[in-house]
Amino acid sequence: MITTPNVKINLGLNVLRRRPDGYHDLETLFVPYKGIHDTLEIIDGDSWSETSASLISRYGNLSQAISPDGKVMISIAKAGGVGWEPLTDLTVKAYQMLTADYKLPPVKIYLEKTSPVGAGLGGGSADGAFALRMLSEIAGLGLSDDTLAAYASRLGSDCAFFIYNRPMFGRGRGEILTPWESPVPDNITVTVPDGIAVSTADAYRGIIPGIPPLPLREVLQLPVSQWKELLHNDFETTVFAKYPALADIKASLYEKGATYAAMSGSGSALFSIN
């Protein structure tokens, strides 16, 4: 089974308050962005891969690992190499999570990683969420979206969104999701700067939570032409301070005629709406 896990952008991202558990309460509108995606193949252990030969021919040696129990083999292809231990990938964690509750066959995972890391686009979260759905289908579990989303929220704060993969209003850590029925712009362009990856810890460092003057839901109902002054990503304050080049890119997007521009999530990617 082969899928193409897409990334997301955040329309508005307000950090409301710090919670007793150390996390922060957020509100944001998650929107799928299909222009950037990975390629994920998961097959049972006895099957032949449809993608491995192509990956090897294009990338050379793949980053590979086999779990200690021998039930998961993962191969990751990424330009410039993989900067993490393959067995810590969220696709493997998805398998480990499900196999704790259900009987899963041994599997082989092939991941072509073309979505950027540390860009705030949720590429790794998408891989984990798509893996949950694929494993459910491969094993014939028939798990519902809500059940898969509950598992996904344990993988990461924005993973559950990718189970539904349509505009969803997120609250809590981002895992409390409500379908968004109003129209969202479709003329979105994403810009990923070279050589800048922002860690979530860096993004949170120094951030001051607060309640915005207008609720995010109300701002999103306004015309896009009014968003520049009212629709904010609170992480821009801390991230732009450490990476001023990102602030320059945002300014350049407006200079080029964008109606609205902002950073996505807590990473380095920016997007514009023309």
C-alpha atoms as a PDB file:
ATOM      1  CA  MET A   1       0.000   0.000   0.000  1.00  0.00           C
ATOM      2  CA  ILE A   2       1.365   3.397  -1.047  1.00  0.00           C
ATOM      3  CA  THR A   3       0.146   6.830   0.079  1.00  0.00           C
ATOM      4  CA  THR A   4       1.399  10.415  -0.152  1.00  0.00           C
ATOM      5  CA  PRO A   5       1.186  12.101   3.270  1.00  0.00           C
ATOM      6  CA  ASN A   6       0.673  15.817   2.635  1.00  0.00           C
ATOM      7  CA  VAL A   7       1.623  18.711   4.916  1.00  0.00           C
ATOM      8  CA  LYS A   8      -0.529  21.411   6.517  1.00  0.00           C
ATOM      9  CA  ILE A   9      -0.513  25.119   7.213  1.00  0.00           C
ATOM     10  CA  ASN A  10      -1.948  26.997  10.173  1.00  0.00           C
ATOM     11  CA  LEU A  11      -4.310  29.899   9.604  1.00  0.00           C
ATOM     12  CA  GLY A  12      -3.727  31.773  12.825  1.00  0.00           C
ATOM     13  CA  LEU A  13      -2.017  30.251  15.842  1.00  0.00           C
ATOM     14  CA  ASN A  14      -2.714  31.703  19.271  1.00  0.00           C
ATOM     15  CA  VAL A  15      -0.861  30.492  22.364  1.00  0.00           C
ATOM     16  CA  LEU A  16      -3.496  31.136  25.031  1.00  0.00           C
ATOM     17  CA  ARG A  17      -2.097  29.863  28.312  1.00  0.00           C
ATOM     18  CA  ARG A  18       0.401  27.518  29.923  1.00  0.00           C
ATOM     19  CA  ARG A  19      -1.164  24.405  31.415  1.00  0.00           C
ATOM     20  CA  PRO A  20      -0.303  22.647  34.689  1.00  0.00           C
ATOM     21  CA  ASP A  21       0.968  19.656  32.687  1.00  0.00           C
ATOM     22  CA  GLY A  22       3.645  21.825  31.040  1.00  0.00           C
ATOM     23  CA  TYR A  23       1.915  22.057  27.665  1.00  0.00           C
ATOM     24  CA  HIS A  24       0.170  25.134  26.284  1.00  0.00           C
ATOM     25  CA  ASP A  25      -3.422  25.622  25.209  1.00  0.00           C
ATOM     26  CA  LEU A  26      -3.562  26.727  21.578  1.00  0.00           C
ATOM     27  CA  GLU A  27      -6.143  27.619  18.985  1.00  0.00           C
ATOM     28  CA  THR A  28      -5.545  27.383  15.255  1.00  0.00           C
ATOM     29  CA  LEU A  29      -7.154  26.412  11.977  1.00  0.00           C
ATOM     30  CA  PHE A  30      -5.394  23.469  10.348  1.00  0.00           C
ATOM     31  CA  VAL A  31      -5.624  23.425   6.560  1.00  0.00           C
ATOM     32  CA  PRO A  32      -4.220  20.625   4.335  1.00  0.00           C
ATOM     33  CA  TYR A  33      -1.625  21.660   1.765  1.00  0.00           C
ATOM     34  CA  LYS A  34      -1.202  19.089  -0.994  1.00  0.00           C
ATOM     35  CA  GLY A  35       1.652  20.875  -2.780  1.00  0.00           C
ATOM     36  CA  ILE A  36       4.268  19.222  -0.535  1.00  0.00           C
ATOM     37  CA  HIS A  37       4.140  15.573   0.476  1.00  0.00           C
ATOM     38  CA  ASP A  38       6.151  12.483   1.356  1.00  0.00           C
ATOM     39  CA  THR A  39       5.690   9.022  -0.162  1.00  0.00           C
ATOM     40  CA  LEU A  40       4.956   6.187   2.252  1.00  0.00           C
ATOM     41  CA  GLU A  41       4.759   2.493   1.410  1.00  0.00           C
ATOM     42  CA  ILE A  42       3.846  -0.127   4.011  1.00  0.00           C
ATOM     43  CA  ILE A  43       3.646  -3.812   3.108  1.00  0.00           C
ATOM     44  CA  ASP A  44       3.499  -7.030   5.081  1.00  0.00           C
ATOM     45  CA  GLY A  45       6.814  -8.698   5.720  1.00  0.00           C
ATOM     46  CA  ASP A  46       6.439 -11.293   2.946  1.00  0.00           C
ATOM     47  CA  SER A  47       5.589  -8.833   0.142  1.00  0.00           C
ATOM     48  CA  TRP A  48       7.841  -7.102  -2.385  1.00  0.00           C
ATOM     49  CA  SER A  49       8.209  -3.337  -2.347  1.00  0.00           C
ATOM     50  CA  GLU A  50       7.083  -1.277  -5.340  1.00  0.00           C
ATOM     51  CA  THR A  51       9.222   1.717  -4.349  1.00  0.00           C
ATOM     52  CA  SER A  52      12.513   0.391  -2.935  1.00  0.00           C
ATOM     53  CA  ALA A  53      14.304  -0.084  -6.276  1.00  0.00           C
ATOM     54  CA  SER A  54      13.431   3.450  -7.363  1.00  0.00           C
ATOM     55  CA  LEU A  55      14.522   4.896  -4.011  1.00  0.00           C
ATOM     56  CA  ILE A  56      17.874   3.126  -4.137  1.00  0.00           C
ATOM     57  CA  SER A  57      18.508   4.251  -7.718  1.00  0.00           C
ATOM     58  CA  ARG A  58      17.726   7.875  -6.864  1.00  0.00           C
ATOM     59  CA  TYR A  59      19.175   8.172  -3.342  1.00  0.00           C
ATOM     60  CA  GLY A  60      21.809   5.447  -3.112  1.00  0.00           C
ATOM     61  CA  ASN A  61      22.000   3.869   0.326  1.00  0.00           C
ATOM     62  CA  LEU A  62      18.866   4.191   2.427  1.00  0.00           C
ATOM     63  CA  SER A  63      18.779   4.682   6.199  1.00  0.00           C
ATOM     64  CA  GLN A  64      17.510   1.329   7.420  1.00  0.00           C
ATOM     65  CA  ALA A  65      16.790  -0.393  10.707  1.00  0.00           C
ATOM     66  CA  ILE A  66      14.998  -3.459  12.036  1.00  0.00           C
ATOM     67  CA  SER A  67      13.173  -3.455  15.347  1.00  0.00           C
ATOM     68  CA  PRO A  68      14.616  -5.710  18.078  1.00  0.00           C
ATOM     69  CA  ASP A  69      11.642  -8.068  17.775  1.00  0.00           C
ATOM     70  CA  GLY A  70      12.096  -8.257  14.004  1.00  0.00           C
ATOM     71  CA  LYS A  71       8.534  -7.162  13.274  1.00  0.00           C
ATOM     72  CA  VAL A  72       9.342  -3.826  11.602  1.00  0.00           C
ATOM     73  CA  MET A  73      11.909  -3.013   8.958  1.00  0.00           C
ATOM     74  CA  ILE A  74      12.046   0.663   8.006  1.00  0.00           C
ATOM     75  CA  SER A  75      13.938   2.261   5.115  1.00  0.00           C
ATOM     76  CA  ILE A  76      14.058   6.054   4.789  1.00  0.00           C
ATOM     77  CA  ALA A  77      15.267   8.017   1.772  1.00  0.00           C
ATOM     78  CA  LYS A  78      16.042  11.705   2.182  1.00  0.00           C
ATOM     79  CA  ALA A  79      18.242  14.081   0.229  1.00  0.00           C
ATOM     80  CA  GLY A  80      21.277  14.886   2.364  1.00  0.00           C
ATOM     81  CA  GLY A  81      20.643  11.952   4.682  1.00  0.00           C
ATOM     82  CA  VAL A  82      18.430  11.256   7.666  1.00  0.00           C
ATOM     83  CA  GLY A  83      19.127  13.118  10.893  1.00  0.00           C
ATOM     84  CA  TRP A  84      17.248  10.787  13.224  1.00  0.00           C
ATOM     85  CA  GLU A  85      17.320   7.142  14.222  1.00  0.00           C
ATOM     86  CA  PRO A  86      14.919   5.355  11.837  1.00  0.00           C
ATOM     87  CA  LEU A  87      13.302   3.316  14.631  1.00  0.00           C
ATOM     88  CA  THR A  88      12.225   6.584  16.308  1.00  0.00           C
ATOM     89  CA  ASP A  89      10.266   7.629  13.222  1.00  0.00           C
ATOM     90  CA  LEU A  90       6.569   8.205  13.886  1.00  0.00           C
ATOM     91  CA  THR A  91       5.651   5.532  11.339  1.00  0.00           C
ATOM     92  CA  VAL A  92       7.387   2.932  13.520  1.00  0.00           C
ATOM     93  CA  LYS A  93       5.838   4.390  16.666  1.00  0.00           C
ATOM     94  CA  ALA A  94       2.437   4.092  14.981  1.00  0.00           C
ATOM     95  CA  TYR A  95       3.066   0.364  14.448  1.00  0.00           C
ATOM     96  CA  GLN A  96       4.276  -0.115  18.020  1.00  0.00           C
ATOM     97  CA  MET A  97       1.214   1.677  19.370  1.00  0.00           C
ATOM     98  CA  LEU A  98      -1.281  -0.409  17.408  1.00  0.00           C
ATOM     99  CA  THR A  99       0.474  -3.708  17.955  1.00  0.00           C
ATOM    100  CA  ALA A 100       0.142  -3.177  21.709  1.00  0.00           C
ATOM    101  CA  ASP A 101      -3.661  -3.407  21.291  1.00  0.00           C
ATOM    102  CA  TYR A 102      -4.156  -5.465  18.117  1.00  0.00           C
ATOM    103  CA  LYS A 103      -2.494  -8.303  16.266  1.00  0.00           C
ATOM    104  CA  LEU A 104      -0.488  -6.850  13.376  1.00  0.00           C
ATOM    105  CA  PRO A 105       1.624  -8.753  10.854  1.00  0.00           C
ATOM    106  CA  PRO A 106       5.336  -7.969  10.512  1.00  0.00           C
ATOM    107  CA  VAL A 107       5.747  -5.054   8.081  1.00  0.00           C
ATOM    108  CA  LYS A 108       8.247  -3.262   5.898  1.00  0.00           C
ATOM    109  CA  ILE A 109       8.071   0.537   5.784  1.00  0.00           C
ATOM    110  CA  TYR A 110       9.567   2.603   2.952  1.00  0.00           C
ATOM    111  CA  LEU A 111       9.480   6.377   3.452  1.00  0.00           C
ATOM    112  CA  GLU A 112      10.636   8.916   0.901  1.00  0.00           C
ATOM    113  CA  LYS A 113      11.064  12.073   2.960  1.00  0.00           C
ATOM    114  CA  THR A 114      10.649  15.127   0.735  1.00  0.00           C
ATOM    115  CA  SER A 115       8.687  17.361   3.124  1.00  0.00           C
ATOM    116  CA  PRO A 116      11.022  19.689   5.054  1.00  0.00           C
ATOM    117  CA  VAL A 117      12.002  19.009   8.657  1.00  0.00           C
ATOM    118  CA  GLY A 118      11.604  21.804  11.215  1.00  0.00           C
ATOM    119  CA  ALA A 119       9.453  23.896   8.886  1.00  0.00           C
ATOM    120  CA  GLY A 120       6.216  23.841  10.879  1.00  0.00           C
ATOM    121  CA  LEU A 121       4.363  21.942   8.152  1.00  0.00           C
ATOM    122  CA  GLY A 122       3.776  18.744  10.106  1.00  0.00           C
ATOM    123  CA  GLY A 123       5.380  16.352   7.643  1.00  0.00           C
ATOM    124  CA  GLY A 124       6.450  13.867  10.307  1.00  0.00           C
ATOM    125  CA  SER A 125       3.035  14.046  11.952  1.00  0.00           C
ATOM    126  CA  ALA A 126       1.404  13.318   8.605  1.00  0.00           C
ATOM    127  CA  ASP A 127       3.620  10.254   8.120  1.00  0.00           C
ATOM    128  CA  GLY A 128       2.604   8.895  11.515  1.00  0.00           C
ATOM    129  CA  ALA A 129      -1.112   9.520  10.976  1.00  0.00           C
ATOM    130  CA  PHE A 130      -1.117   8.036   7.475  1.00  0.00           C
ATOM    131  CA  ALA A 131       0.769   5.019   8.820  1.00  0.00           C
ATOM    132  CA  LEU A 132      -1.957   4.426  11.423  1.00  0.00           C
ATOM    133  CA  ARG A 133      -4.632   4.377   8.739  1.00  0.00           C
ATOM    134  CA  MET A 134      -2.575   2.139   6.444  1.00  0.00           C
ATOM    135  CA  LEU A 135      -1.812  -0.339   9.230  1.00  0.00           C
ATOM    136  CA  SER A 136      -5.485  -0.496  10.147  1.00  0.00           C
ATOM    137  CA  GLU A 137      -6.310  -1.381   6.544  1.00  0.00           C
ATOM    138  CA  ILE A 138      -3.455  -3.868   6.130  1.00  0.00           C
ATOM    139  CA  ALA A 139      -4.457  -5.704   9.307  1.00  0.00           C
ATOM    140  CA  GLY A 140      -8.183  -5.467   8.550  1.00  0.00           C
ATOM    141  CA  LEU A 141      -8.877  -3.663  11.822  1.00  0.00           C
ATOM    142  CA  GLY A 142     -11.517  -1.341  10.393  1.00  0.00           C
ATOM    143  CA  LEU A 143     -10.756   1.400  12.908  1.00  0.00           C
ATOM    144  CA  SER A 144     -12.924   4.523  12.658  1.00  0.00           C
ATOM    145  CA  ASP A 145     -11.498   7.984  12.058  1.00  0.00           C
ATOM    146  CA  ASP A 146     -12.234   8.970  15.645  1.00  0.00           C
ATOM    147  CA  THR A 147     -10.434   5.906  16.982  1.00  0.00           C
ATOM    148  CA  LEU A 148      -7.457   6.521  14.706  1.00  0.00           C
ATOM    149  CA  ALA A 149      -7.417  10.198  15.760  1.00  0.00           C
ATOM    150  CA  ALA A 150      -7.283   9.163  19.421  1.00  0.00           C
ATOM    151  CA  TYR A 151      -4.204   7.053  18.669  1.00  0.00           C
ATOM    152  CA  ALA A 152      -2.698   9.826  16.534  1.00  0.00           C
ATOM    153  CA  SER A 153      -3.017  12.390  19.324  1.00  0.00           C
ATOM    154  CA  ARG A 154      -0.703  10.178  21.378  1.00  0.00           C
ATOM    155  CA  LEU A 155       1.931  10.400  18.637  1.00  0.00           C
ATOM    156  CA  GLY A 156       1.954  14.207  18.522  1.00  0.00           C
ATOM    157  CA  SER A 157      -0.174  17.286  19.038  1.00  0.00           C
ATOM    158  CA  ASP A 158      -1.041  17.841  15.375  1.00  0.00           C
ATOM    159  CA  CYS A 159      -1.101  14.198  14.261  1.00  0.00           C
ATOM    160  CA  ALA A 160      -4.840  13.762  14.773  1.00  0.00           C
ATOM    161  CA  PHE A 161      -5.578  16.463  12.195  1.00  0.00           C
ATOM    162  CA  PHE A 162      -4.026  14.335   9.448  1.00  0.00           C
ATOM    163  CA  ILE A 163      -6.472  11.505  10.114  1.00  0.00           C
ATOM    164  CA  TYR A 164      -9.289  13.785   8.941  1.00  0.00           C
ATOM    165  CA  ASN A 165      -7.050  15.781   6.549  1.00  0.00           C
ATOM    166  CA  ARG A 166      -9.527  18.571   5.928  1.00  0.00           C
ATOM    167  CA  PRO A 167      -9.891  22.034   7.496  1.00  0.00           C
ATOM    168  CA  MET A 168     -10.261  21.551  11.242  1.00  0.00           C
ATOM    169  CA  PHE A 169     -10.287  24.045  14.105  1.00  0.00           C
ATOM    170  CA  GLY A 170      -7.800  22.892  16.728  1.00  0.00           C
ATOM    171  CA  ARG A 171      -7.824  23.570  20.452  1.00  0.00           C
ATOM    172  CA  GLY A 172      -6.001  22.183  23.489  1.00  0.00           C
ATOM    173  CA  ARG A 173      -2.555  21.043  22.351  1.00  0.00           C
ATOM    174  CA  GLY A 174      -4.032  20.967  18.859  1.00  0.00           C
ATOM    175  CA  GLU A 175      -5.602  17.544  19.306  1.00  0.00           C
ATOM    176  CA  ILE A 176      -9.149  18.758  20.098  1.00  0.00           C
ATOM    177  CA  LEU A 177     -10.594  19.131  16.615  1.00  0.00           C
ATOM    178  CA  THR A 178     -13.820  20.551  15.247  1.00  0.00           C
ATOM    179  CA  PRO A 179     -14.748  20.451  11.538  1.00  0.00           C
ATOM    180  CA  TRP A 180     -14.471  23.869   9.880  1.00  0.00           C
ATOM    181  CA  GLU A 181     -17.390  24.373   7.521  1.00  0.00           C
ATOM    182  CA  SER A 182     -16.636  27.901   6.260  1.00  0.00           C
ATOM    183  CA  PRO A 183     -14.661  28.374   3.027  1.00  0.00           C
ATOM    184  CA  VAL A 184     -10.866  28.647   3.264  1.00  0.00           C
ATOM    185  CA  PRO A 185      -8.587  30.238   0.659  1.00  0.00           C
ATOM    186  CA  ASP A 186      -7.298  27.868  -2.012  1.00  0.00           C
ATOM    187  CA  ASN A 187      -4.715  30.205  -3.566  1.00  0.00           C
ATOM    188  CA  ILE A 188      -2.025  29.424  -0.997  1.00  0.00           C
ATOM    189  CA  THR A 189       1.689  29.325  -1.826  1.00  0.00           C
ATOM    190  CA  VAL A 190       4.216  27.885   0.646  1.00  0.00           C
ATOM    191  CA  THR A 191       7.815  29.113   0.853  1.00  0.00           C
ATOM    192  CA  VAL A 192      10.418  26.933   2.618  1.00  0.00           C
ATOM    193  CA  PRO A 193      13.718  28.765   3.285  1.00  0.00           C
ATOM    194  CA  ASP A 194      16.908  26.825   2.688  1.00  0.00           C
ATOM    195  CA  GLY A 195      19.072  26.011   5.677  1.00  0.00           C
ATOM    196  CA  ILE A 196      16.693  27.063   8.451  1.00  0.00           C
ATOM    197  CA  ALA A 197      15.028  24.470  10.672  1.00  0.00           C
ATOM    198  CA  VAL A 198      13.275  25.645  13.828  1.00  0.00           C
ATOM    199  CA  SER A 199      12.830  23.371  16.822  1.00  0.00           C
ATOM    200  CA  THR A 200       9.609  23.511  18.799  1.00  0.00           C
ATOM    201  CA  ALA A 201      11.652  24.258  21.931  1.00  0.00           C
ATOM    202  CA  ASP A 202      13.162  27.316  20.240  1.00  0.00           C
ATOM    203  CA  ALA A 203       9.731  28.505  19.180  1.00  0.00           C
ATOM    204  CA  TYR A 204       8.332  28.272  22.711  1.00  0.00           C
ATOM    205  CA  ARG A 205      11.382  29.797  24.378  1.00  0.00           C
ATOM    206  CA  GLY A 206      10.369  33.240  25.632  1.00  0.00           C
ATOM    207  CA  ILE A 207       6.809  33.132  24.334  1.00  0.00           C
ATOM    208  CA  ILE A 208       4.224  35.033  26.389  1.00  0.00           C
ATOM    209  CA  PRO A 209       0.776  33.414  26.234  1.00  0.00           C
ATOM    210  CA  GLY A 210      -2.271  35.642  26.016  1.00  0.00           C
ATOM    211  CA  ILE A 211      -5.875  35.937  24.874  1.00  0.00           C
ATOM    212  CA  PRO A 212      -6.227  37.898  21.605  1.00  0.00           C
ATOM    213  CA  PRO A 213      -8.618  40.887  21.432  1.00  0.00           C
ATOM    214  CA  LEU A 214     -10.759  39.074  18.852  1.00  0.00           C
ATOM    215  CA  PRO A 215     -11.447  35.323  19.012  1.00  0.00           C
ATOM    216  CA  LEU A 216      -9.734  33.448  16.206  1.00  0.00           C
ATOM    217  CA  ARG A 217     -13.028  32.089  14.886  1.00  0.00           C
ATOM    218  CA  GLU A 218     -14.294  35.643  14.381  1.00  0.00           C
ATOM    219  CA  VAL A 219     -11.128  36.794  12.625  1.00  0.00           C
ATOM    220  CA  LEU A 220     -11.262  33.863  10.210  1.00  0.00           C
ATOM    221  CA  GLN A 221     -14.768  34.869   9.146  1.00  0.00           C
ATOM    222  CA  LEU A 222     -13.515  38.292   8.027  1.00  0.00           C
ATOM    223  CA  PRO A 223     -12.332  38.958   4.448  1.00  0.00           C
ATOM    224  CA  VAL A 224      -8.721  37.920   3.804  1.00  0.00           C
ATOM    225  CA  SER A 225      -7.940  41.576   3.092  1.00  0.00           C
ATOM    226  CA  GLN A 226      -8.408  42.266   6.828  1.00  0.00           C
ATOM    227  CA  TRP A 227      -6.242  39.413   8.094  1.00  0.00           C
ATOM    228  CA  LYS A 228      -2.889  41.214   7.922  1.00  0.00           C
ATOM    229  CA  GLU A 229      -3.574  43.204  11.084  1.00  0.00           C
ATOM    230  CA  LEU A 230      -5.794  40.692  12.893  1.00  0.00           C
ATOM    231  CA  LEU A 231      -4.706  37.111  12.113  1.00  0.00           C
ATOM    232  CA  HIS A 232      -1.491  36.240  13.931  1.00  0.00           C
ATOM    233  CA  ASN A 233       0.851  33.349  14.547  1.00  0.00           C
ATOM    234  CA  ASP A 234       2.173  33.977  18.063  1.00  0.00           C
ATOM    235  CA  PHE A 235       5.358  32.000  17.345  1.00  0.00           C
ATOM    236  CA  GLU A 236       6.513  34.677  14.910  1.00  0.00           C
ATOM    237  CA  THR A 237       7.594  36.834  17.863  1.00  0.00           C
ATOM    238  CA  THR A 238      10.133  34.344  19.205  1.00  0.00           C
ATOM    239  CA  VAL A 239      11.137  32.701  15.924  1.00  0.00           C
ATOM    240  CA  PHE A 240      11.700  35.954  14.012  1.00  0.00           C
ATOM    241  CA  ALA A 241      13.843  37.235  16.888  1.00  0.00           C
ATOM    242  CA  LYS A 242      16.216  34.287  16.460  1.00  0.00           C
ATOM    243  CA  TYR A 243      15.901  34.024  12.669  1.00  0.00           C
ATOM    244  CA  PRO A 244      15.446  37.566  11.302  1.00  0.00           C
ATOM    245  CA  ALA A 245      15.784  36.236   7.756  1.00  0.00           C
ATOM    246  CA  LEU A 246      12.306  34.765   8.150  1.00  0.00           C
ATOM    247  CA  ALA A 247      10.857  38.184   8.980  1.00  0.00           C
ATOM    248  CA  ASP A 248      12.550  39.501   5.829  1.00  0.00           C
ATOM    249  CA  ILE A 249      10.947  36.740   3.755  1.00  0.00           C
ATOM    250  CA  LYS A 250       7.527  37.559   5.162  1.00  0.00           C
ATOM    251  CA  ALA A 251       8.027  41.228   4.297  1.00  0.00           C
ATOM    252  CA  SER A 252       9.099  40.270   0.783  1.00  0.00           C
ATOM    253  CA  LEU A 253       5.928  38.243   0.289  1.00  0.00           C
ATOM    254  CA  TYR A 254       3.876  41.357   1.001  1.00  0.00           C
ATOM    255  CA  GLU A 255       6.120  43.405  -1.297  1.00  0.00           C
ATOM    256  CA  LYS A 256       5.366  40.896  -4.064  1.00  0.00           C
ATOM    257  CA  GLY A 257       1.644  41.472  -3.661  1.00  0.00           C
ATOM    258  CA  ALA A 258       0.440  38.962  -1.075  1.00  0.00           C
ATOM    259  CA  THR A 259      -2.879  39.809   0.550  1.00  0.00           C
ATOM    260  CA  TYR A 260      -1.841  37.831   3.611  1.00  0.00           C
ATOM    261  CA  ALA A 261       1.402  36.148   4.686  1.00  0.00           C
ATOM    262  CA  ALA A 262       2.418  34.315   7.844  1.00  0.00           C
ATOM    263  CA  MET A 263       4.593  31.612   9.331  1.00  0.00           C
ATOM    264  CA  SER A 264       3.096  28.127   9.543  1.00  0.00           C
ATOM    265  CA  GLY A 265       3.114  26.342  12.879  1.00  0.00           C
ATOM    266  CA  SER A 266       6.284  26.730  14.911  1.00  0.00           C
ATOM    267  CA  GLY A 267       8.715  26.218  12.040  1.00  0.00           C
ATOM    268  CA  SER A 268      10.480  28.117   9.297  1.00  0.00           C
ATOM    269  CA  ALA A 269       8.006  27.782   6.419  1.00  0.00           C
ATOM    270  CA  LEU A 270       5.942  30.781   5.432  1.00  0.00           C
ATOM    271  CA  PHE A 271       2.899  30.942   3.215  1.00  0.00           C
ATOM    272  CA  SER A 272       1.133  33.641   1.267  1.00  0.00           C
ATOM    273  CA  ILE A 273      -2.401  34.172  -0.013  1.00  0.00           C
ATOM    274  CA  ASN A 274      -2.642  36.313  -3.119  1.00  0.00           C
END
